[in-house]
Every structure is written in C-alpha cells, then in structure tokens.
Amino acid sequence: MTDTDADTAEADGITARYRETDAERVLEFERDGRSACIAQNREGYAMLKVRPSVDGDELERYYGFDMALDHAAELLGCDPNDLPVPERAADMGM
C-alpha cells in the first residue's frame, strides 16, 4: 500500500492526517492516545467508513462527512467542531 504525501492539521490537542493510499482516501485523528479513522474509496464516490484506527475493523458507514465526523469525535471523546480537517479532506462524503 503506497501512500501519497500526507496533509496534516492540528487544533486543541487533536492531530488530523489525510493521505491517499492505492485504494483509499484516509483521514486519521489522534487525541490523548485515542484514534479514529474515516476512509473512502480512492475515487471519492462511496460511503465513508469509520474505524477505530487505519487498520481497524469498520464500525459504521455514512453518506455524509458531518455524520462521519460526529462518530469520529465520539470515539475521541470530543466535540465534532473541535476536529481539524486538512484542506485535501474537506470534500470527503457523497
């Protein structure tokens, strides 16, 4: 799995890393030892998958980016509005 260069954003102790692999667009969040991941197929037209980590099992699928961010924030124990979103990830979702 080859990654293209990552795009990173940080705010309020939360780090967000966006990258593209051969198969997926991946947005990973880390906060206080917790992690959450939102992934979408490389073409960007499929539902978003929320996982506890990049390699973790899928927990749920969402059409909308806002709903996926809500779930990611729940996993991190923070408000969804606190999640920094790197520019290249802003168009995720259907």
PDB file of N, CA and C in Angstrom:
ATOM      1  N   MET A   1       0.845  -1.166   0.000  1.00  0.00           N
ATOM      2  CA  MET A   1       0.000   0.000   0.000  1.00  0.00           C
ATOM      3  C   MET A   1       0.896   1.236   0.000  1.00  0.00           C
ATOM      4  N   THR A   2       0.846   1.998  -1.056  1.00  0.00           N
ATOM      5  CA  THR A   2       1.664   3.185  -1.204  1.00  0.00           C
ATOM      6  C   THR A   2       0.865   4.413  -0.818  1.00  0.00           C
ATOM      7  N   ASP A   3       1.440   5.263   0.031  1.00  0.00           N
ATOM      8  CA  ASP A   3       0.779   6.494   0.448  1.00  0.00           C
ATOM      9  C   ASP A   3       1.335   7.665  -0.342  1.00  0.00           C
ATOM     10  N   THR A   4       0.442   8.577  -0.760  1.00  0.00           N
ATOM     11  CA  THR A   4       0.915   9.840  -1.295  1.00  0.00           C
ATOM     12  C   THR A   4       1.180  10.739  -0.104  1.00  0.00           C
ATOM     13  N   ASP A   5       1.861  11.849  -0.322  1.00  0.00           N
ATOM     14  CA  ASP A   5       2.233  12.706   0.796  1.00  0.00           C
ATOM     15  C   ASP A   5       1.029  13.133   1.623  1.00  0.00           C
ATOM     16  N   ALA A   6       1.239  13.146   2.931  1.00  0.00           N
ATOM     17  CA  ALA A   6       0.159  13.416   3.875  1.00  0.00           C
ATOM     18  C   ALA A   6      -0.046  14.915   4.049  1.00  0.00           C
ATOM     19  N   ASP A   7      -1.264  15.277   4.405  1.00  0.00           N
ATOM     20  CA  ASP A   7      -1.651  16.638   4.740  1.00  0.00           C
ATOM     21  C   ASP A   7      -2.063  16.594   6.203  1.00  0.00           C
ATOM     22  N   THR A   8      -1.500  17.459   7.048  1.00  0.00           N
ATOM     23  CA  THR A   8      -1.729  17.405   8.483  1.00  0.00           C
ATOM     24  C   THR A   8      -2.326  18.713   8.992  1.00  0.00           C
ATOM     25  N   ALA A   9      -3.210  18.599   9.983  1.00  0.00           N
ATOM     26  CA  ALA A   9      -3.777  19.760  10.668  1.00  0.00           C
ATOM     27  C   ALA A   9      -3.840  19.444  12.155  1.00  0.00           C
ATOM     28  N   GLU A  10      -3.668  20.472  12.998  1.00  0.00           N
ATOM     29  CA  GLU A  10      -3.732  20.286  14.448  1.00  0.00           C
ATOM     30  C   GLU A  10      -4.545  21.396  15.083  1.00  0.00           C
ATOM     31  N   ALA A  11      -5.302  21.036  16.128  1.00  0.00           N
ATOM     32  CA  ALA A  11      -6.066  22.008  16.902  1.00  0.00           C
ATOM     33  C   ALA A  11      -6.493  21.377  18.218  1.00  0.00           C
ATOM     34  N   ASP A  12      -6.385  22.122  19.297  1.00  0.00           N
ATOM     35  CA  ASP A  12      -6.882  21.697  20.610  1.00  0.00           C
ATOM     36  C   ASP A  12      -6.424  20.293  21.005  1.00  0.00           C
ATOM     37  N   GLY A  13      -5.170  19.976  20.741  1.00  0.00           N
ATOM     38  CA  GLY A  13      -4.636  18.677  21.124  1.00  0.00           C
ATOM     39  C   GLY A  13      -5.045  17.524  20.223  1.00  0.00           C
ATOM     40  N   ILE A  14      -5.668  17.829  19.092  1.00  0.00           N
ATOM     41  CA  ILE A  14      -6.089  16.802  18.134  1.00  0.00           C
ATOM     42  C   ILE A  14      -5.248  16.947  16.870  1.00  0.00           C
ATOM     43  N   THR A  15      -4.703  15.841  16.404  1.00  0.00           N
ATOM     44  CA  THR A  15      -3.943  15.829  15.161  1.00  0.00           C
ATOM     45  C   THR A  15      -4.733  15.070  14.112  1.00  0.00           C
ATOM     46  N   ALA A  16      -4.841  15.653  12.931  1.00  0.00           N
ATOM     47  CA  ALA A  16      -5.521  15.011  11.804  1.00  0.00           C
ATOM     48  C   ALA A  16      -4.505  14.830  10.681  1.00  0.00           C
ATOM     49  N   ARG A  17      -4.494  13.623  10.121  1.00  0.00           N
ATOM     50  CA  ARG A  17      -3.604  13.319   8.991  1.00  0.00           C
ATOM     51  C   ARG A  17      -4.433  12.763   7.846  1.00  0.00           C
ATOM     52  N   TYR A  18      -4.327  13.402   6.690  1.00  0.00           N
ATOM     53  CA  TYR A  18      -5.017  12.932   5.495  1.00  0.00           C
ATOM     54  C   TYR A  18      -3.968  12.419   4.521  1.00  0.00           C
ATOM     55  N   ARG A  19      -4.266  11.260   3.926  1.00  0.00           N
ATOM     56  CA  ARG A  19      -3.379  10.726   2.884  1.00  0.00           C
ATOM     57  C   ARG A  19      -4.201   9.849   1.960  1.00  0.00           C
ATOM     58  N   GLU A  20      -3.635   9.557   0.831  1.00  0.00           N
ATOM     59  CA  GLU A  20      -4.276   8.661  -0.124  1.00  0.00           C
ATOM     60  C   GLU A  20      -3.393   7.448  -0.326  1.00  0.00           C
ATOM     61  N   THR A  21      -4.005   6.267  -0.232  1.00  0.00           N
ATOM     62  CA  THR A  21      -3.303   5.019  -0.494  1.00  0.00           C
ATOM     63  C   THR A  21      -3.678   4.566  -1.901  1.00  0.00           C
ATOM     64  N   ASP A  22      -3.228   3.406  -2.290  1.00  0.00           N
ATOM     65  CA  ASP A  22      -3.599   2.868  -3.602  1.00  0.00           C
ATOM     66  C   ASP A  22      -5.098   2.642  -3.710  1.00  0.00           C
ATOM     67  N   ALA A  23      -5.757   2.389  -2.582  1.00  0.00           N
ATOM     68  CA  ALA A  23      -7.174   2.035  -2.600  1.00  0.00           C
ATOM     69  C   ALA A  23      -8.104   3.051  -1.936  1.00  0.00           C
ATOM     70  N   GLU A  24      -7.582   3.873  -1.000  1.00  0.00           N
ATOM     71  CA  GLU A  24      -8.469   4.703  -0.201  1.00  0.00           C
ATOM     72  C   GLU A  24      -7.931   6.116   0.030  1.00  0.00           C
ATOM     73  N   ARG A  25      -8.888   6.991   0.340  1.00  0.00           N
ATOM     74  CA  ARG A  25      -8.595   8.294   0.928  1.00  0.00           C
ATOM     75  C   ARG A  25      -8.771   8.083   2.427  1.00  0.00           C
ATOM     76  N   VAL A  26      -7.797   8.467   3.229  1.00  0.00           N
ATOM     77  CA  VAL A  26      -7.803   8.156   4.655  1.00  0.00           C
ATOM     78  C   VAL A  26      -7.594   9.433   5.466  1.00  0.00           C
ATOM     79  N   LEU A  27      -8.491   9.661   6.428  1.00  0.00           N
ATOM     80  CA  LEU A  27      -8.369  10.769   7.365  1.00  0.00           C
ATOM     81  C   LEU A  27      -8.308  10.170   8.759  1.00  0.00           C
ATOM     82  N   GLU A  28      -7.164  10.318   9.413  1.00  0.00           N
ATOM     83  CA  GLU A  28      -6.963   9.723  10.728  1.00  0.00           C
ATOM     84  C   GLU A  28      -6.816  10.821  11.778  1.00  0.00           C
ATOM     85  N   PHE A  29      -7.497  10.654  12.893  1.00  0.00           N
ATOM     86  CA  PHE A  29      -7.425  11.596  14.004  1.00  0.00           C
ATOM     87  C   PHE A  29      -6.779  10.919  15.203  1.00  0.00           C
ATOM     88  N   GLU A  30      -5.997  11.696  15.983  1.00  0.00           N
ATOM     89  CA  GLU A  30      -5.414  11.210  17.234  1.00  0.00           C
ATOM     90  C   GLU A  30      -5.611  12.268  18.304  1.00  0.00           C
ATOM     91  N   ARG A  31      -6.000  11.800  19.510  1.00  0.00           N
ATOM     92  CA  ARG A  31      -6.179  12.700  20.651  1.00  0.00           C
ATOM     93  C   ARG A  31      -5.981  11.910  21.927  1.00  0.00           C
ATOM     94  N   ASP A  32      -5.048  12.330  22.749  1.00  0.00           N
ATOM     95  CA  ASP A  32      -4.838  11.722  24.075  1.00  0.00           C
ATOM     96  C   ASP A  32      -4.783  10.201  24.030  1.00  0.00           C
ATOM     97  N   GLY A  33      -4.063   9.639  23.088  1.00  0.00           N
ATOM     98  CA  GLY A  33      -3.910   8.192  22.996  1.00  0.00           C
ATOM     99  C   GLY A  33      -5.059   7.476  22.305  1.00  0.00           C
ATOM    100  N   ARG A  34      -6.084   8.193  21.914  1.00  0.00           N
ATOM    101  CA  ARG A  34      -7.217   7.614  21.177  1.00  0.00           C
ATOM    102  C   ARG A  34      -7.056   7.922  19.702  1.00  0.00           C
ATOM    103  N   SER A  35      -7.679   7.084  18.880  1.00  0.00           N
ATOM    104  CA  SER A  35      -7.638   7.343  17.443  1.00  0.00           C
ATOM    105  C   SER A  35      -8.988   7.032  16.807  1.00  0.00           C
ATOM    106  N   ALA A  36      -9.202   7.630  15.656  1.00  0.00           N
ATOM    107  CA  ALA A  36     -10.390   7.393  14.847  1.00  0.00           C
ATOM    108  C   ALA A  36      -9.982   7.612  13.402  1.00  0.00           C
ATOM    109  N   CYS A  37     -10.589   6.870  12.505  1.00  0.00           N
ATOM    110  CA  CYS A  37     -10.246   6.955  11.099  1.00  0.00           C
ATOM    111  C   CYS A  37     -11.516   7.020  10.259  1.00  0.00           C
ATOM    112  N   ILE A  38     -11.492   7.883   9.249  1.00  0.00           N
ATOM    113  CA  ILE A  38     -12.555   7.954   8.252  1.00  0.00           C
ATOM    114  C   ILE A  38     -11.906   7.619   6.916  1.00  0.00           C
ATOM    115  N   ALA A  39     -12.486   6.665   6.190  1.00  0.00           N
ATOM    116  CA  ALA A  39     -11.905   6.242   4.914  1.00  0.00           C
ATOM    117  C   ALA A  39     -12.971   6.204   3.832  1.00  0.00           C
ATOM    118  N   GLN A  40     -12.533   6.442   2.611  1.00  0.00           N
ATOM    119  CA  GLN A  40     -13.416   6.424   1.449  1.00  0.00           C
ATOM    120  C   GLN A  40     -12.605   5.857   0.287  1.00  0.00           C
ATOM    121  N   ASN A  41     -13.306   5.265  -0.691  1.00  0.00           N
ATOM    122  CA  ASN A  41     -12.544   4.715  -1.806  1.00  0.00           C
ATOM    123  C   ASN A  41     -11.776   5.836  -2.522  1.00  0.00           C
ATOM    124  N   ARG A  42     -10.782   5.468  -3.249  1.00  0.00           N
ATOM    125  CA  ARG A  42      -9.870   6.428  -3.883  1.00  0.00           C
ATOM    126  C   ARG A  42     -10.602   7.374  -4.846  1.00  0.00           C
ATOM    127  N   GLU A  43     -11.653   6.877  -5.489  1.00  0.00           N
ATOM    128  CA  GLU A  43     -12.386   7.687  -6.450  1.00  0.00           C
ATOM    129  C   GLU A  43     -13.269   8.720  -5.763  1.00  0.00           C
ATOM    130  N   GLY A  44     -13.563   8.527  -4.482  1.00  0.00           N
ATOM    131  CA  GLY A  44     -14.290   9.508  -3.700  1.00  0.00           C
ATOM    132  C   GLY A  44     -15.791   9.497  -3.872  1.00  0.00           C
ATOM    133  N   TYR A  45     -16.375   8.401  -4.364  1.00  0.00           N
ATOM    134  CA  TYR A  45     -17.826   8.389  -4.551  1.00  0.00           C
ATOM    135  C   TYR A  45     -18.556   7.402  -3.647  1.00  0.00           C
ATOM    136  N   ALA A  46     -17.865   6.637  -2.836  1.00  0.00           N
ATOM    137  CA  ALA A  46     -18.504   5.635  -1.973  1.00  0.00           C
ATOM    138  C   ALA A  46     -18.774   6.208  -0.591  1.00  0.00           C
ATOM    139  N   MET A  47     -19.536   5.441   0.186  1.00  0.00           N
ATOM    140  CA  MET A  47     -19.823   5.838   1.563  1.00  0.00           C
ATOM    141  C   MET A  47     -18.530   5.905   2.370  1.00  0.00           C
ATOM    142  N   LEU A  48     -18.563   6.703   3.430  1.00  0.00           N
ATOM    143  CA  LEU A  48     -17.429   6.850   4.326  1.00  0.00           C
ATOM    144  C   LEU A  48     -17.468   5.750   5.378  1.00  0.00           C
ATOM    145  N   LYS A  49     -16.318   5.145   5.642  1.00  0.00           N
ATOM    146  CA  LYS A  49     -16.211   4.095   6.654  1.00  0.00           C
ATOM    147  C   LYS A  49     -15.515   4.678   7.883  1.00  0.00           C
ATOM    148  N   VAL A  50     -16.084   4.476   9.047  1.00  0.00           N
ATOM    149  CA  VAL A  50     -15.458   4.912  10.292  1.00  0.00           C
ATOM    150  C   VAL A  50     -14.867   3.687  10.967  1.00  0.00           C
ATOM    151  N   ARG A  51     -13.609   3.828  11.376  1.00  0.00           N
ATOM    152  CA  ARG A  51     -12.877   2.755  12.043  1.00  0.00           C
ATOM    153  C   ARG A  51     -12.208   3.332  13.296  1.00  0.00           C
ATOM    154  N   PRO A  52     -11.863   2.482  14.254  1.00  0.00           N
ATOM    155  CA  PRO A  52     -11.149   2.982  15.423  1.00  0.00           C
ATOM    156  C   PRO A  52      -9.687   3.316  15.113  1.00  0.00           C
ATOM    157  N   SER A  53      -9.161   2.789  14.014  1.00  0.00           N
ATOM    158  CA  SER A  53      -7.795   3.060  13.562  1.00  0.00           C
ATOM    159  C   SER A  53      -7.734   2.760  12.065  1.00  0.00           C
ATOM    160  N   VAL A  54      -6.633   3.108  11.433  1.00  0.00           N
ATOM    161  CA  VAL A  54      -6.495   2.879   9.996  1.00  0.00           C
ATOM    162  C   VAL A  54      -6.713   1.417   9.641  1.00  0.00           C
ATOM    163  N   ASP A  55      -6.136   0.519  10.424  1.00  0.00           N
ATOM    164  CA  ASP A  55      -6.233  -0.916  10.143  1.00  0.00           C
ATOM    165  C   ASP A  55      -7.346  -1.602  10.922  1.00  0.00           C
ATOM    166  N   GLY A  56      -8.131  -0.831  11.669  1.00  0.00           N
ATOM    167  CA  GLY A  56      -9.186  -1.406  12.494  1.00  0.00           C
ATOM    168  C   GLY A  56     -10.389  -1.850  11.674  1.00  0.00           C
ATOM    169  N   ASP A  57     -11.265  -2.606  12.327  1.00  0.00           N
ATOM    170  CA  ASP A  57     -12.493  -3.065  11.689  1.00  0.00           C
ATOM    171  C   ASP A  57     -13.464  -1.909  11.522  1.00  0.00           C
ATOM    172  N   GLU A  58     -14.190  -1.931  10.441  1.00  0.00           N
ATOM    173  CA  GLU A  58     -15.192  -0.911  10.173  1.00  0.00           C
ATOM    174  C   GLU A  58     -16.274  -0.942  11.246  1.00  0.00           C
ATOM    175  N   LEU A  59     -16.611   0.235  11.779  1.00  0.00           N
ATOM    176  CA  LEU A  59     -17.648   0.343  12.794  1.00  0.00           C
ATOM    177  C   LEU A  59     -18.994   0.743  12.191  1.00  0.00           C
ATOM    178  N   GLU A  60     -18.956   1.625  11.203  1.00  0.00           N
ATOM    179  CA  GLU A  60     -20.191   2.156  10.616  1.00  0.00           C
ATOM    180  C   GLU A  60     -19.851   2.815   9.276  1.00  0.00           C
ATOM    181  N   ARG A  61     -20.892   2.960   8.423  1.00  0.00           N
ATOM    182  CA  ARG A  61     -20.754   3.680   7.151  1.00  0.00           C
ATOM    183  C   ARG A  61     -21.733   4.844   7.115  1.00  0.00           C
ATOM    184  N   TYR A  62     -21.288   5.927   6.499  1.00  0.00           N
ATOM    185  CA  TYR A  62     -22.118   7.133   6.403  1.00  0.00           C
ATOM    186  C   TYR A  62     -22.015   7.724   4.996  1.00  0.00           C
ATOM    187  N   TYR A  63     -23.115   8.347   4.560  1.00  0.00           N
ATOM    188  CA  TYR A  63     -23.088   9.095   3.302  1.00  0.00           C
ATOM    189  C   TYR A  63     -22.430  10.457   3.510  1.00  0.00           C
ATOM    190  N   GLY A  64     -22.758  11.093   4.618  1.00  0.00           N
ATOM    191  CA  GLY A  64     -22.310  12.463   4.849  1.00  0.00           C
ATOM    192  C   GLY A  64     -21.060  12.554   5.694  1.00  0.00           C
ATOM    193  N   PHE A  65     -20.205  13.492   5.343  1.00  0.00           N
ATOM    194  CA  PHE A  65     -18.963  13.731   6.067  1.00  0.00           C
ATOM    195  C   PHE A  65     -19.263  14.193   7.494  1.00  0.00           C
ATOM    196  N   ASP A  66     -20.289  15.032   7.677  1.00  0.00           N
ATOM    197  CA  ASP A  66     -20.628  15.523   9.015  1.00  0.00           C
ATOM    198  C   ASP A  66     -20.963  14.379   9.962  1.00  0.00           C
ATOM    199  N   MET A  67     -21.707  13.400   9.480  1.00  0.00           N
ATOM    200  CA  MET A  67     -22.076  12.259  10.328  1.00  0.00           C
ATOM    201  C   MET A  67     -20.849  11.417  10.675  1.00  0.00           C
ATOM    202  N   ALA A  68     -19.952  11.242   9.716  1.00  0.00           N
ATOM    203  CA  ALA A  68     -18.722  10.501   9.972  1.00  0.00           C
ATOM    204  C   ALA A  68     -17.849  11.247  10.986  1.00  0.00           C
ATOM    205  N   LEU A  69     -17.783  12.571  10.862  1.00  0.00           N
ATOM    206  CA  LEU A  69     -17.025  13.366  11.828  1.00  0.00           C
ATOM    207  C   LEU A  69     -17.635  13.271  13.229  1.00  0.00           C
ATOM    208  N   ASP A  70     -18.969  13.249  13.314  1.00  0.00           N
ATOM    209  CA  ASP A  70     -19.629  13.087  14.609  1.00  0.00           C
ATOM    210  C   ASP A  70     -19.200  11.783  15.274  1.00  0.00           C
ATOM    211  N   HIS A  71     -19.168  10.700  14.499  1.00  0.00           N
ATOM    212  CA  HIS A  71     -18.787   9.394  15.042  1.00  0.00           C
ATOM    213  C   HIS A  71     -17.312   9.404  15.445  1.00  0.00           C
ATOM    214  N   ALA A  72     -16.456   9.990  14.611  1.00  0.00           N
ATOM    215  CA  ALA A  72     -15.029  10.075  14.942  1.00  0.00           C
ATOM    216  C   ALA A  72     -14.830  10.855  16.241  1.00  0.00           C
ATOM    217  N   ALA A  73     -15.553  11.963  16.387  1.00  0.00           N
ATOM    218  CA  ALA A  73     -15.445  12.765  17.607  1.00  0.00           C
ATOM    219  C   ALA A  73     -15.895  11.968  18.828  1.00  0.00           C
ATOM    220  N   GLU A  74     -16.930  11.166  18.670  1.00  0.00           N
ATOM    221  CA  GLU A  74     -17.393  10.319  19.769  1.00  0.00           C
ATOM    222  C   GLU A  74     -16.298   9.344  20.199  1.00  0.00           C
ATOM    223  N   LEU A  75     -15.610   8.757  19.223  1.00  0.00           N
ATOM    224  CA  LEU A  75     -14.518   7.829  19.536  1.00  0.00           C
ATOM    225  C   LEU A  75     -13.366   8.529  20.255  1.00  0.00           C
ATOM    226  N   LEU A  76     -13.175   9.816  19.942  1.00  0.00           N
ATOM    227  CA  LEU A  76     -12.086  10.588  20.547  1.00  0.00           C
ATOM    228  C   LEU A  76     -12.489  11.270  21.847  1.00  0.00           C
ATOM    229  N   GLY A  77     -13.790  11.298  22.134  1.00  0.00           N
ATOM    230  CA  GLY A  77     -14.266  11.967  23.336  1.00  0.00           C
ATOM    231  C   GLY A  77     -14.197  13.481  23.240  1.00  0.00           C
ATOM    232  N   CYS A  78     -14.545  14.028  22.075  1.00  0.00           N
ATOM    233  CA  CYS A  78     -14.507  15.481  21.887  1.00  0.00           C
ATOM    234  C   CYS A  78     -15.712  15.938  21.075  1.00  0.00           C
ATOM    235  N   ASP A  79     -15.839  17.234  20.916  1.00  0.00           N
ATOM    236  CA  ASP A  79     -16.900  17.823  20.114  1.00  0.00           C
ATOM    237  C   ASP A  79     -16.502  17.751  18.640  1.00  0.00           C
ATOM    238  N   PRO A  80     -17.420  17.415  17.746  1.00  0.00           N
ATOM    239  CA  PRO A  80     -17.085  17.350  16.318  1.00  0.00           C
ATOM    240  C   PRO A  80     -16.520  18.660  15.763  1.00  0.00           C
ATOM    241  N   ASN A  81     -16.952  19.787  16.340  1.00  0.00           N
ATOM    242  CA  ASN A  81     -16.448  21.085  15.883  1.00  0.00           C
ATOM    243  C   ASN A  81     -14.986  21.304  16.242  1.00  0.00           C
ATOM    244  N   ASP A  82     -14.443  20.494  17.148  1.00  0.00           N
ATOM    245  CA  ASP A  82     -13.040  20.607  17.539  1.00  0.00           C
ATOM    246  C   ASP A  82     -12.102  19.860  16.592  1.00  0.00           C
ATOM    247  N   LEU A  83     -12.651  19.026  15.712  1.00  0.00           N
ATOM    248  CA  LEU A  83     -11.809  18.227  14.817  1.00  0.00           C
ATOM    249  C   LEU A  83     -11.231  19.096  13.702  1.00  0.00           C
ATOM    250  N   PRO A  84      -9.906  19.148  13.611  1.00  0.00           N
ATOM    251  CA  PRO A  84      -9.303  19.872  12.489  1.00  0.00           C
ATOM    252  C   PRO A  84      -9.401  19.003  11.233  1.00  0.00           C
ATOM    253  N   VAL A  85      -9.754  19.587  10.112  1.00  0.00           N
ATOM    254  CA  VAL A  85      -9.867  18.840   8.860  1.00  0.00           C
ATOM    255  C   VAL A  85      -8.884  19.435   7.853  1.00  0.00           C
ATOM    256  N   PRO A  86      -7.864  18.664   7.460  1.00  0.00           N
ATOM    257  CA  PRO A  86      -6.931  19.149   6.452  1.00  0.00           C
ATOM    258  C   PRO A  86      -7.671  19.505   5.156  1.00  0.00           C
ATOM    259  N   GLU A  87      -7.181  20.487   4.462  1.00  0.00           N
ATOM    260  CA  GLU A  87      -7.848  21.000   3.260  1.00  0.00           C
ATOM    261  C   GLU A  87      -8.173  19.915   2.241  1.00  0.00           C
ATOM    262  N   ARG A  88      -7.252  19.009   2.008  1.00  0.00           N
ATOM    263  CA  ARG A  88      -7.470  17.964   0.994  1.00  0.00           C
ATOM    264  C   ARG A  88      -8.573  16.978   1.387  1.00  0.00           C
ATOM    265  N   ALA A  89      -8.970  16.948   2.661  1.00  0.00           N
ATOM    266  CA  ALA A  89     -10.017  16.028   3.116  1.00  0.00           C
ATOM    267  C   ALA A  89     -11.394  16.678   3.159  1.00  0.00           C
ATOM    268  N   ALA A  90     -11.478  17.972   2.943  1.00  0.00           N
ATOM    269  CA  ALA A  90     -12.718  18.722   3.124  1.00  0.00           C
ATOM    270  C   ALA A  90     -13.856  18.277   2.193  1.00  0.00           C
ATOM    271  N   ASP A  91     -13.541  17.605   1.103  1.00  0.00           N
ATOM    272  CA  ASP A  91     -14.574  17.200   0.153  1.00  0.00           C
ATOM    273  C   ASP A  91     -14.977  15.727   0.273  1.00  0.00           C
ATOM    274  N   MET A  92     -14.615  15.092   1.375  1.00  0.00           N
ATOM    275  CA  MET A  92     -14.982  13.697   1.559  1.00  0.00           C
ATOM    276  C   MET A  92     -16.489  13.578   1.772  1.00  0.00           C
ATOM    277  N   GLY A  93     -17.067  12.459   1.416  1.00  0.00           N
ATOM    278  CA  GLY A  93     -18.505  12.230   1.557  1.00  0.00           C
ATOM    279  C   GLY A  93     -19.187  12.270   0.203  1.00  0.00           C
ATOM    280  N   MET A  94     -20.477  11.950   0.220  1.00  0.00           N
ATOM    281  CA  MET A  94     -21.205  11.872  -1.044  1.00  0.00           C
ATOM    282  C   MET A  94     -22.040  13.098  -1.300  1.00  0.00           C
TER     283      MET A  94
END
